Structure formats: C-alpha cells, structure tokens
C-alpha cells in the first residue's frame, strides 16, 4: 500500500512554476517567473528560480517544499532566471542549518557581479560550474549541458532523461545553426519570447521555434518563457497552429502546469 501511495504523488514529473519571459512580463507578473521543478525518481531539482519562486512553491497544489530539493540549476544569471537563487538555497538547506544540496551554475553567476551571495555559497554541500557539452548528475537526475548559447551572459541549455523519456530545455538564445542537433529529444521545452524576429535581441522568435521544432521532430514540444508579444498573440492559439502546421504535438505551458512522465 505504501508503494502505491508514493506513486500517486508522482515520482517523475516536470512542473512549470512560471512561464514569464523577458523583463516586462516578469516585472508586471503577467505570468509567474518561478522556474521549473523536476522530480526524477525521487530526486528534486529546481531550474531557474526567478522572482517569486518561493511564493510559487508555497502556493502550488500540492505544495512543493524547498527543503526537499537536492539541487538548483541556473542556466544563466539573468534575473528572470536567478532572482530567488539565494532564498531558495536557504530553503534547500533548512535556513542554512543543514549543509546539503548542489548548486549548478555558469561561472559568471559567481564572479565579478555575482547573483549567488557568498553567504549562500557556504550553505550548499557542493557547487559545480556549468561548462559546454558536459555531463552532470545529482542523485537519480543526470543531465548534459548544451554548447554555449548566443546570449549576453554565459548560457547553457539542458538535456536529461526521466522515466526513459529524453527531455531538453532550450533556454534563452539567439537562433544559430547547430541548435537542432543537440536538442533532438522526445520532449522539447523551448523558450519563445517574441512573435516576430528581433535580430538585435538574443532571444528566439516564433518563426525560429517553428524551424527548430521542424528540424528536431520531438514527440511533444512545449512553449514557455513568453514575452509581451507572445502573450498578445495568445500562446495557446499559436501552439495549436504550430501543431496543425507541423504535425507534431505542440503545447503552450501555463503557470502551474504539471507534466507527468
């Protein structure tokens, strides 16, 4: 009976604590910016805890306890991805009284103008610096970093496996050749900020995403990290149109959405 109860809460899932992308959606909190919680065979990882991450955990149904976290990953240091990193480290370590957990982050999250405070660094059991095209692991969760993205700070996407399903998170970047080769997976989570291309800004547009989904051919693609123009265009409608055009299931993530695997 105990095993059945454990199964019902979901040992393998991805929960979107927020789907806000870029400054203005984040600042106005038109969408939440809490990051993504991944549970893989009982190992809990929080990816990109932006503003309000702690609040989103507390308001989640069922609630998510930061004290159950085994690791936190920053794909890059921008505030919409990292603002709550220090409070989440305190949550993961029971207010700093239990030295535990791993922080994975690019080097520039710690150097010069750091987003991770020195105080918080001393609370975790280990800090691992993310570099391009390398494997990492914590508990039952194993992931691989992408090549360096074209973005204004050090940025890496992720590829991991949950319950025999390959999942990739294509985070912020300017479109460039070679992205599709790395991100070939069963489930593609992709950040799409703009409807129309803006070459001067290092973010993906809807047309970039269409090209990537067509080339990657995932079983399922999930759009997230929406900017203002995407919200005006209604992500759910854009996802349906992409599904019809590409013959691939495309979903628009929403705040609190859970993907059970």
Protein backbone atom coordinates (compact mmCIF):
# COMPACT_ATOMS: atom_id res chain seq x y z
CA UNK A 1 0.00 0.00 0.00
CA UNK A 2 2.81 2.43 0.87
CA UNK A 3 4.33 2.00 -2.57
CA UNK A 4 1.02 2.80 -4.25
CA UNK A 5 0.67 6.00 -2.23
CA UNK A 6 4.16 7.07 -3.27
CA UNK A 7 3.29 6.51 -6.92
CA UNK A 8 0.18 8.71 -6.77
CA UNK A 9 2.13 11.86 -5.88
CA UNK A 10 4.28 11.39 -8.96
CA UNK A 11 7.91 10.30 -8.81
CA UNK A 12 8.62 11.63 -12.28
CA UNK A 13 7.23 14.99 -13.25
CA UNK A 14 8.04 18.46 -14.53
CA UNK A 15 6.16 21.39 -13.03
CA UNK A 16 6.17 24.88 -14.53
CA UNK A 17 6.26 27.32 -11.61
CA UNK A 18 6.18 30.18 -14.08
CA UNK A 19 6.11 30.90 -17.80
CA UNK A 20 7.20 34.55 -17.88
CA UNK A 21 9.87 35.58 -20.34
CA UNK A 22 11.93 38.76 -20.56
CA UNK A 23 11.64 41.88 -18.41
CA UNK A 24 8.16 43.28 -18.76
CA UNK A 25 6.11 40.10 -18.36
CA UNK A 26 8.27 39.35 -15.32
CA UNK A 27 8.05 42.85 -13.83
CA UNK A 28 4.30 43.08 -14.28
CA UNK A 29 3.91 39.40 -13.30
CA UNK A 30 1.54 38.85 -16.19
CA UNK A 31 2.93 35.34 -15.94
CA UNK A 32 4.77 33.96 -12.92
CA UNK A 33 8.56 33.58 -13.02
CA UNK A 34 9.22 30.78 -10.53
CA UNK A 35 11.22 28.43 -12.75
CA UNK A 36 10.77 24.70 -13.37
CA UNK A 37 10.69 21.91 -10.76
CA UNK A 38 11.81 18.48 -11.95
CA UNK A 39 11.34 15.29 -9.95
CA UNK A 40 13.26 12.28 -11.28
CA UNK A 41 12.90 9.05 -9.33
CA UNK A 42 12.65 10.98 -6.09
CA UNK A 43 15.47 13.45 -6.83
CA UNK A 44 14.14 17.03 -6.84
CA UNK A 45 15.76 19.77 -8.88
CA UNK A 46 14.73 23.40 -9.35
CA UNK A 47 15.77 25.06 -12.60
CA UNK A 48 16.00 28.87 -12.91
CA UNK A 49 14.27 30.22 -9.77
CA UNK A 50 13.25 33.69 -10.93
CA UNK A 51 11.29 36.30 -8.93
CA UNK A 52 8.54 34.72 -6.85
CA UNK A 53 9.87 31.17 -6.95
CA UNK A 54 9.45 30.69 -3.21
CA UNK A 55 5.88 32.04 -3.36
CA UNK A 56 5.02 29.71 -6.22
CA UNK A 57 6.26 26.71 -4.24
CA UNK A 58 4.10 27.67 -1.28
CA UNK A 59 1.01 28.23 -3.43
CA UNK A 60 1.49 25.08 -5.51
CA UNK A 61 -1.13 22.37 -5.21
CA UNK A 62 0.15 20.15 -3.74
CA UNK A 63 2.72 22.38 -2.08
CA UNK A 64 6.36 21.91 -3.00
CA UNK A 65 8.79 22.01 -0.09
CA UNK A 66 12.15 23.68 -0.86
CA UNK A 67 13.61 21.55 1.94
CA UNK A 68 13.12 18.54 -0.34
CA UNK A 69 15.35 19.96 -3.06
CA UNK A 70 18.53 18.10 -3.97
CA UNK A 71 19.86 20.69 -6.39
CA UNK A 72 19.29 24.03 -8.07
CA UNK A 73 20.39 24.75 -11.64
CA UNK A 74 20.88 28.18 -13.19
CA UNK A 75 21.00 28.08 -16.98
CA UNK A 76 22.23 31.68 -16.78
CA UNK A 77 22.44 34.65 -14.44
CA UNK A 78 19.71 36.97 -15.76
CA UNK A 79 17.26 37.96 -13.02
CA UNK A 80 14.20 36.36 -14.60
CA UNK A 81 16.10 33.07 -14.16
CA UNK A 82 18.07 33.67 -10.96
CA UNK A 83 16.48 36.31 -8.73
CA UNK A 84 15.35 33.89 -6.00
CA UNK A 85 18.51 31.76 -6.02
CA UNK A 86 19.72 32.84 -2.57
CA UNK A 87 16.42 32.36 -0.75
CA UNK A 88 15.96 29.00 -2.50
CA UNK A 89 19.41 27.91 -1.31
CA UNK A 90 18.33 28.83 2.22
CA UNK A 91 15.13 26.84 1.68
CA UNK A 92 17.04 23.82 0.36
CA UNK A 93 19.35 23.89 3.39
CA UNK A 94 16.66 24.43 6.04
CA UNK A 95 17.67 28.03 6.59
CA UNK A 96 21.34 27.15 6.40
CA UNK A 97 21.23 24.71 9.34
CA UNK A 98 21.73 21.65 7.10
CA UNK A 99 24.65 21.80 4.70
CA UNK A 100 23.18 19.95 1.74
CA UNK A 101 22.32 20.12 -1.93
CA UNK A 102 24.21 21.05 -5.07
CA UNK A 103 24.23 24.34 -6.96
CA UNK A 104 24.94 24.10 -10.69
CA UNK A 105 25.61 27.43 -12.40
CA UNK A 106 27.78 29.14 -15.01
CA UNK A 107 30.97 30.74 -13.76
CA UNK A 108 29.75 34.31 -14.21
CA UNK A 109 26.94 33.73 -11.69
CA UNK A 110 29.68 33.68 -9.05
CA UNK A 111 32.31 36.10 -10.36
CA UNK A 112 32.62 39.90 -10.60
CA UNK A 113 28.98 40.91 -10.07
CA UNK A 114 27.64 37.66 -8.57
CA UNK A 115 23.98 36.71 -8.31
CA UNK A 116 24.81 33.99 -5.75
CA UNK A 117 25.85 35.60 -2.47
CA UNK A 118 28.97 34.38 -0.67
CA UNK A 119 26.82 33.63 2.37
CA UNK A 120 24.58 31.33 0.32
CA UNK A 121 27.52 29.54 -1.32
CA UNK A 122 28.68 28.35 2.07
CA UNK A 123 25.36 26.67 2.79
CA UNK A 124 25.35 24.11 -0.03
CA UNK A 125 27.25 20.85 0.01
CA UNK A 126 28.78 21.44 -3.39
CA UNK A 127 28.93 23.98 -6.24
CA UNK A 128 29.52 22.71 -9.76
CA UNK A 129 30.40 25.13 -12.55
CA UNK A 130 28.49 24.52 -15.77
CA UNK A 131 30.56 24.31 -18.92
CA UNK A 132 29.65 23.50 -22.50
CA UNK A 133 28.86 19.93 -23.56
CA UNK A 134 29.45 18.19 -20.24
CA UNK A 135 27.58 15.56 -18.18
CA UNK A 136 26.49 16.28 -14.60
CA UNK A 137 24.50 14.38 -12.02
CA UNK A 138 22.87 14.62 -8.61
CA UNK A 139 21.11 11.63 -7.09
CA UNK A 140 18.97 9.99 -9.78
CA UNK A 141 18.99 13.07 -12.00
CA UNK A 142 21.58 13.17 -14.78
CA UNK A 143 21.81 15.95 -17.32
CA UNK A 144 24.04 17.19 -20.12
CA UNK A 145 24.77 20.81 -20.98
CA UNK A 146 24.47 22.19 -24.50
CA UNK A 147 27.00 24.19 -26.41
CA UNK A 148 27.37 27.80 -25.28
CA UNK A 149 24.31 29.76 -26.38
CA UNK A 150 24.44 33.13 -28.10
CA UNK A 151 23.25 35.32 -25.26
CA UNK A 152 24.61 38.32 -23.38
CA UNK A 153 25.83 36.15 -20.47
CA UNK A 154 27.12 32.58 -20.19
CA UNK A 155 24.11 30.42 -21.02
CA UNK A 156 23.63 26.68 -21.43
CA UNK A 157 20.60 24.59 -22.23
CA UNK A 158 19.98 21.16 -20.72
CA UNK A 159 19.18 17.63 -21.83
CA UNK A 160 18.07 14.93 -19.39
CA UNK A 161 16.18 11.64 -19.14
CA UNK A 162 13.15 10.91 -16.97
CA UNK A 163 11.42 7.54 -16.99
CA UNK A 164 13.04 6.55 -20.30
CA UNK A 165 11.92 9.82 -21.88
CA UNK A 166 14.52 12.23 -23.22
CA UNK A 167 13.72 15.84 -22.35
CA UNK A 168 15.54 19.01 -23.37
CA UNK A 169 15.24 22.58 -22.17
CA UNK A 170 16.21 25.06 -24.85
CA UNK A 171 16.67 28.22 -22.85
CA UNK A 172 17.36 31.81 -23.97
CA UNK A 173 19.50 32.23 -27.06
CA UNK A 174 19.74 33.82 -30.46
CA UNK A 175 18.96 31.33 -33.21
CA UNK A 176 22.05 29.71 -34.73
CA UNK A 177 22.92 26.59 -36.67
CA UNK A 178 23.64 23.52 -34.58
CA UNK A 179 20.88 24.03 -32.02
CA UNK A 180 18.70 21.33 -33.57
CA UNK A 181 21.48 18.74 -33.48
CA UNK A 182 21.93 18.95 -29.71
CA UNK A 183 18.27 19.32 -28.76
CA UNK A 184 16.94 16.20 -30.54
CA UNK A 185 14.76 14.63 -27.83
CA UNK A 186 11.33 13.16 -27.16
CA UNK A 187 10.08 16.26 -25.33
CA UNK A 188 11.37 19.71 -26.21
CA UNK A 189 10.76 22.59 -23.80
CA UNK A 190 11.60 25.77 -25.64
CA UNK A 191 11.70 29.42 -24.60
CA UNK A 192 9.95 31.71 -27.09
CA UNK A 193 9.96 35.39 -26.19
CA UNK A 194 8.95 37.09 -29.46
CA UNK A 195 6.37 36.55 -32.17
CA UNK A 196 8.39 38.40 -34.81
CA UNK A 197 12.19 38.10 -35.08
CA UNK A 198 14.24 40.86 -33.45
CA UNK A 199 17.80 40.28 -34.68
CA UNK A 200 19.21 42.84 -32.26
CA UNK A 201 17.99 40.84 -29.23
CA UNK A 202 19.36 37.41 -28.34
CA UNK A 203 16.04 35.60 -27.93
CA UNK A 204 14.05 33.19 -30.09
CA UNK A 205 11.01 34.21 -32.09
CA UNK A 206 8.02 32.09 -33.08
CA UNK A 207 9.44 31.55 -36.57
CA UNK A 208 12.75 30.39 -35.03
CA UNK A 209 10.84 27.96 -32.85
CA UNK A 210 8.86 26.64 -35.82
CA UNK A 211 12.11 25.92 -37.67
CA UNK A 212 13.63 24.22 -34.63
CA UNK A 213 10.61 22.00 -33.97
CA UNK A 214 10.51 21.03 -37.63
CA UNK A 215 14.20 20.06 -37.56
CA UNK A 216 14.22 18.39 -34.13
CA UNK A 217 10.96 16.47 -34.66
CA UNK A 218 10.19 15.82 -30.96
CA UNK A 219 7.18 13.75 -29.94
CA UNK A 220 5.99 16.77 -27.97
CA UNK A 221 7.09 20.42 -27.88
CA UNK A 222 6.20 22.75 -25.02
CA UNK A 223 6.41 26.51 -25.49
CA UNK A 224 7.23 28.68 -22.46
CA UNK A 225 9.00 31.86 -21.30
CA UNK A 226 6.67 34.23 -23.13
CA UNK A 227 7.34 37.90 -23.79
CA UNK A 228 4.69 40.58 -24.27
CA UNK A 229 4.21 39.98 -27.98
CA UNK A 230 3.66 36.26 -27.39
CA UNK A 231 1.07 36.94 -24.71
CA UNK A 232 -0.78 39.31 -27.03
CA UNK A 233 -0.73 36.62 -29.73
CA UNK A 234 -2.14 34.07 -27.23
CA UNK A 235 0.38 31.22 -26.84
CA UNK A 236 -2.33 28.54 -26.78
CA UNK A 237 -3.55 29.61 -30.22
CA UNK A 238 0.00 29.74 -31.58
CA UNK A 239 0.66 26.25 -30.22
CA UNK A 240 -2.45 24.83 -31.92
CA UNK A 241 -1.46 26.43 -35.22
CA UNK A 242 2.06 25.02 -34.97
CA UNK A 243 0.65 21.57 -34.21
CA UNK A 244 -1.53 21.68 -37.30
CA UNK A 245 1.25 23.02 -39.49
CA UNK A 246 4.00 20.63 -38.32
CA UNK A 247 2.03 17.50 -37.45
CA UNK A 248 3.72 17.47 -34.04
CA UNK A 249 2.01 17.94 -30.68
CA UNK A 250 2.81 21.48 -29.50
CA UNK A 251 1.56 22.80 -26.17
CA UNK A 252 1.76 26.22 -24.56
CA UNK A 253 2.80 25.90 -20.93
CA UNK A 254 0.81 27.74 -18.27
CA UNK A 255 1.71 28.66 -14.71
CA UNK A 256 1.35 25.58 -12.52
CA UNK A 257 1.21 23.10 -15.40
CA UNK A 258 2.46 19.63 -14.46
CA UNK A 259 3.79 17.12 -16.96
CA UNK A 260 3.74 13.59 -15.51
CA UNK A 261 6.16 11.13 -17.04
